[in-house]
Protein backbone atom coordinates (compact mmCIF):
# COMPACT_ATOMS: atom_id res chain seq x y z
CA MET A 1 19.30 3.71 -12.50
CA GLU A 2 15.79 3.01 -11.20
CA PHE A 3 14.71 1.59 -14.56
CA ARG A 4 17.53 -0.98 -14.44
CA THR A 5 16.70 -1.76 -10.82
CA ARG A 6 13.08 -2.32 -11.67
CA ASN A 7 13.99 -4.54 -14.59
CA ARG A 8 16.09 -6.63 -12.23
CA VAL A 9 13.31 -7.18 -9.69
CA ASN A 10 10.74 -7.71 -12.48
CA ALA A 11 12.98 -10.41 -13.96
CA GLU A 12 13.20 -12.05 -10.56
CA LEU A 13 9.47 -11.75 -9.92
CA GLN A 14 8.67 -13.21 -13.32
CA THR A 15 10.11 -16.51 -12.11
CA ARG A 16 7.25 -16.66 -9.59
CA PRO A 17 4.18 -18.66 -10.75
CA GLY A 18 1.37 -16.54 -12.17
CA TYR A 19 3.34 -13.30 -12.37
CA THR A 20 2.56 -10.89 -15.19
CA SER A 21 3.78 -7.32 -15.67
CA SER A 22 2.18 -4.61 -17.76
CA MET A 23 3.50 -1.77 -15.61
CA SER A 24 5.17 1.22 -17.26
CA GLN A 25 7.72 3.55 -15.72
CA PRO A 26 5.83 5.73 -13.19
CA GLU A 27 5.59 9.41 -13.97
CA TYR A 28 5.33 11.70 -10.95
CA LEU A 29 3.37 14.84 -11.85
CA TRP A 30 3.17 16.71 -8.52
CA ARG A 31 6.51 18.49 -8.92
CA ARG A 32 5.56 19.70 -12.39
CA LEU A 33 2.37 21.40 -11.17
CA THR A 34 2.17 25.13 -10.47
CA PRO A 35 1.10 26.23 -6.96
CA GLU A 36 -2.35 27.04 -8.35
CA GLN A 37 -2.66 23.59 -9.93
CA ARG A 38 -1.57 21.92 -6.70
CA GLY A 39 -4.22 23.84 -4.78
CA GLU A 40 -6.90 22.85 -7.28
CA LEU A 41 -5.83 19.20 -7.11
CA LEU A 42 -5.92 19.12 -3.30
CA ALA A 43 -9.35 20.80 -3.29
CA TRP A 44 -10.61 18.25 -5.82
CA ARG A 45 -9.31 15.33 -3.75
CA LYS A 46 -10.76 16.77 -0.53
CA GLU A 47 -14.17 17.32 -2.15
CA ARG A 48 -14.25 13.65 -3.20
CA ARG A 49 -13.04 12.48 0.23
CA TYR A 50 -9.79 11.12 -1.23
CA PRO A 51 -6.65 11.34 0.93
CA TRP A 52 -4.79 14.64 0.47
CA HIS A 53 -1.22 14.66 -0.74
CA SER A 54 -0.09 14.59 2.90
CA PRO A 55 -3.25 14.37 5.04
CA PRO A 56 -3.13 15.29 8.74
CA HIS A 57 -3.24 12.41 11.23
CA LEU A 58 -6.19 12.49 13.64
CA PRO A 59 -6.88 10.60 16.89
CA ASN A 60 -9.25 7.63 16.76
CA TYR A 61 -12.41 9.57 17.79
CA GLY A 62 -14.23 6.27 18.42
CA HIS A 63 -12.97 4.46 15.32
CA LEU A 64 -11.08 1.20 15.69
CA ARG A 65 -10.69 -0.13 12.15
CA PHE A 66 -8.43 1.65 9.67
CA HIS A 67 -7.07 1.33 6.17
CA VAL A 68 -3.37 2.21 6.53
CA THR A 69 -1.18 2.79 3.49
CA ALA A 70 2.20 4.27 2.60
CA ALA A 71 4.10 4.72 -0.65
CA CYS A 72 7.70 5.15 -1.64
CA PHE A 73 8.74 8.70 -2.50
CA GLU A 74 7.63 9.55 -6.04
CA HIS A 75 6.32 5.97 -6.21
CA ARG A 76 9.77 4.62 -7.02
CA HIS A 77 10.28 0.89 -6.60
CA TYR A 78 12.51 0.99 -3.54
CA ILE A 79 10.69 -1.86 -1.77
CA GLY A 80 10.88 -3.92 -4.95
CA HIS A 81 14.66 -3.63 -5.31
CA SER A 82 14.67 -7.45 -5.18
CA ALA A 83 12.40 -10.31 -4.17
CA ALA A 84 14.59 -10.85 -1.10
CA ARG A 85 14.00 -7.22 -0.05
CA MET A 86 10.26 -7.68 -0.59
CA ASP A 87 10.37 -10.73 1.69
CA ALA A 88 12.29 -8.92 4.43
CA PHE A 89 10.19 -5.76 4.22
CA ALA A 90 6.91 -7.69 4.45
CA ARG A 91 8.22 -9.66 7.45
CA ASP A 92 9.35 -6.53 9.32
CA LEU A 93 6.21 -4.56 8.43
CA LEU A 94 4.00 -7.33 9.78
CA ALA A 95 6.03 -7.33 12.99
CA VAL A 96 5.22 -3.63 13.49
CA PHE A 97 1.52 -4.27 12.92
CA ALA A 98 1.59 -7.30 15.25
CA ALA A 99 3.03 -5.12 18.02
CA GLN A 100 0.82 -2.06 17.48
CA ALA A 101 -2.52 -3.28 16.05
CA GLY A 102 -5.11 -5.36 17.83
CA ARG A 103 -6.01 -7.32 14.69
CA MET A 104 -4.97 -7.42 11.05
CA PHE A 105 -7.71 -8.24 8.56
CA ALA A 106 -5.86 -7.80 5.25
CA TRP A 107 -2.49 -6.63 3.95
CA CYS A 108 -0.39 -6.50 0.80
CA VAL A 109 3.08 -5.22 -0.07
CA LEU A 110 3.90 -4.06 -3.60
CA PRO A 111 7.22 -2.84 -5.04
CA ASN A 112 6.42 0.81 -4.28
CA HIS A 113 3.69 0.87 -1.62
CA TYR A 114 1.70 -1.18 0.85
CA HIS A 115 -1.82 -1.45 2.27
CA ALA A 116 -3.21 -2.88 5.50
CA LEU A 117 -6.67 -3.13 7.04
CA VAL A 118 -6.26 -3.25 10.80
CA GLU A 119 -7.91 -2.76 14.16
CA ALA A 120 -5.87 -0.12 15.98
CA PRO A 121 -7.02 1.16 19.40
CA ASP A 122 -4.18 3.74 19.25
CA VAL A 123 -3.86 4.69 15.59
CA LEU A 124 -1.50 7.59 16.31
CA GLY A 125 0.83 5.21 18.13
CA LEU A 126 0.71 2.82 15.16
CA LEU A 127 1.52 5.61 12.71
CA ARG A 128 4.38 6.80 14.92
CA GLU A 129 5.92 3.31 14.92
CA LEU A 130 5.44 2.99 11.17
CA GLY A 131 7.31 6.28 10.79
CA ARG A 132 10.18 4.89 12.84
CA PHE A 133 10.13 1.71 10.79
CA HIS A 134 10.29 3.76 7.59
CA GLY A 135 13.27 5.65 9.01
CA ARG A 136 15.19 2.50 9.97
CA THR A 137 14.43 0.89 6.63
CA SER A 138 15.42 3.98 4.63
CA HIS A 139 18.73 4.24 6.49
CA ALA A 140 19.54 0.59 5.81
CA TRP A 141 18.59 0.69 2.12
CA ASN A 142 20.38 3.96 1.47
CA GLY A 143 23.50 2.49 3.00
CA GLU A 144 23.23 -0.63 0.86
CA GLU A 145 22.86 1.48 -2.29
CA ASN A 146 25.32 4.25 -1.33
CA SER A 147 22.50 6.83 -1.44
CA ARG A 148 22.71 8.65 1.88
CA GLY A 149 20.16 11.46 2.18
CA ARG A 150 17.75 9.96 -0.34
CA LYS A 151 14.08 10.21 0.63
CA VAL A 152 12.52 6.76 0.47
CA PHE A 153 9.01 6.97 1.98
CA PHE A 154 6.06 9.28 2.29
CA ARG A 155 4.56 9.08 5.75
CA ALA A 156 1.77 6.57 6.26
CA ALA A 157 -1.85 7.67 5.87
CA GLU A 158 -4.87 6.25 7.66
CA ARG A 159 -8.56 6.18 6.79
CA ALA A 160 -11.19 5.11 9.33
CA MET A 161 -13.80 2.57 8.31
CA ARG A 162 -17.18 4.33 8.25
CA SER A 163 -19.42 1.26 7.88
CA GLU A 164 -19.43 -2.50 7.36
CA ARG A 165 -19.71 -1.89 3.62
CA HIS A 166 -16.65 0.33 3.72
CA PHE A 167 -14.79 -2.37 5.68
CA TRP A 168 -15.56 -5.23 3.30
CA ALA A 169 -14.94 -3.14 0.18
CA THR A 170 -11.56 -2.15 1.66
CA LEU A 171 -10.71 -5.79 2.36
CA ASN A 172 -11.46 -6.61 -1.28
CA TYR A 173 -9.46 -3.59 -2.43
CA VAL A 174 -6.37 -4.56 -0.44
CA HIS A 175 -6.42 -8.16 -1.67
CA HIS A 176 -7.10 -7.10 -5.25
CA ASN A 177 -4.34 -4.48 -5.35
CA PRO A 178 -1.61 -6.64 -6.96
CA VAL A 179 -4.09 -7.58 -9.70
CA HIS A 180 -5.20 -3.96 -10.06
CA HIS A 181 -1.61 -2.87 -10.66
CA GLY A 182 -0.97 -5.62 -13.19
CA TYR A 183 1.54 -7.72 -11.26
CA VAL A 184 -0.50 -10.93 -11.27
CA GLU A 185 -3.78 -12.23 -12.64
CA ARG A 186 -5.09 -13.88 -9.47
CA TRP A 187 -5.00 -12.96 -5.78
CA THR A 188 -3.33 -16.23 -4.82
CA ASP A 189 -0.40 -15.61 -7.19
CA TRP A 190 0.98 -12.71 -5.11
CA GLN A 191 2.95 -14.00 -2.14
CA TRP A 192 3.31 -10.66 -0.32
CA SER A 193 -0.35 -10.55 0.70
CA SER A 194 -2.84 -12.04 3.13
CA ALA A 195 -5.11 -13.04 0.22
CA PRO A 196 -4.00 -16.70 0.05
CA GLU A 197 -4.55 -17.13 3.79
CA TYR A 198 -7.91 -15.33 3.62
CA LEU A 199 -9.14 -17.57 0.79
CA ALA A 200 -7.86 -20.70 2.56
CA GLN A 201 -9.80 -19.78 5.72
CA THR A 202 -12.99 -18.53 4.05
CA ASN A 203 -15.62 -20.74 2.49
CA PRO A 204 -15.35 -20.23 -1.31
CA GLU A 205 -19.02 -19.34 -1.64
CA GLU A 206 -18.72 -16.82 1.19
CA ALA A 207 -15.66 -15.23 -0.42
CA LYS A 208 -17.55 -14.95 -3.72
CA ARG A 209 -20.54 -13.40 -1.91
CA ILE A 210 -18.34 -10.79 -0.24
CA TRP A 211 -16.74 -9.94 -3.61
CA ARG A 212 -20.16 -9.56 -5.28
CA GLU A 213 -21.88 -7.65 -2.48
CA TYR A 214 -18.99 -5.23 -1.83
CA PRO A 215 -17.64 -4.42 -5.30
CA LEU A 216 -14.72 -2.09 -5.78
CA GLY A 217 -16.33 0.15 -8.38
CA ASP A 218 -14.03 3.20 -8.44
CA TYR A 219 -12.77 2.51 -4.90
CA GLY A 220 -9.20 3.74 -4.56
CA ASN A 221 -9.05 5.46 -7.94
CA GLY A 222 -6.33 8.12 -7.74
CA TRP A 223 -5.24 7.15 -4.23
CA ASP A 224 -2.03 5.34 -5.10
CA ASP A 225 -1.62 6.03 -8.81
CA ALA A 226 1.86 7.30 -9.68
CA GLY A 227 0.51 10.22 -11.66
CA ILE A 228 -1.09 12.01 -8.70
């Protein structure tokens, strides 16, 4: 069922200029791991300062800027059911951030997850409202698809910015995410993102400097891959 759904939204997205798709059906490995393997994986992620499978939320402790992200359960393409759903979800998500975050520096919505770089004086309040938004959205989508009781979202996870370098690398990561996942070839070709606005407002040479000076390297590796 999901494969046909994804084909439908991919066919619709392919009508958008610049869209390419090399994505394969996601394979979710967590449920196939033994308890010992799960423990080893969580220890490995913690050692490398990656988010845990379901990391605990912490108060701000002096931090104001956060990378906030959430994924669909088992990385299924529930957001990407259709381009119209992508449009509505992005609009409603941005409304939550507008109400709860002081500033939004970057954002993108993909068919199975989203990212945002925000200034949040009350990050726990923001996460609480995102949880409520996930609940409302899940209820509506499950009703539309006659799938009551289906789990749609993992809870959102936050990561505080530790330095200016961390901040600018995260901004590049968020804007590059649709390219990273193979949906488009250029930032400006993905409409569910702040990248076009960012590039329109930033001097081209300055944008190139930020990209060169704050490269992604292995930033984000394993954080939102379907296999982990």
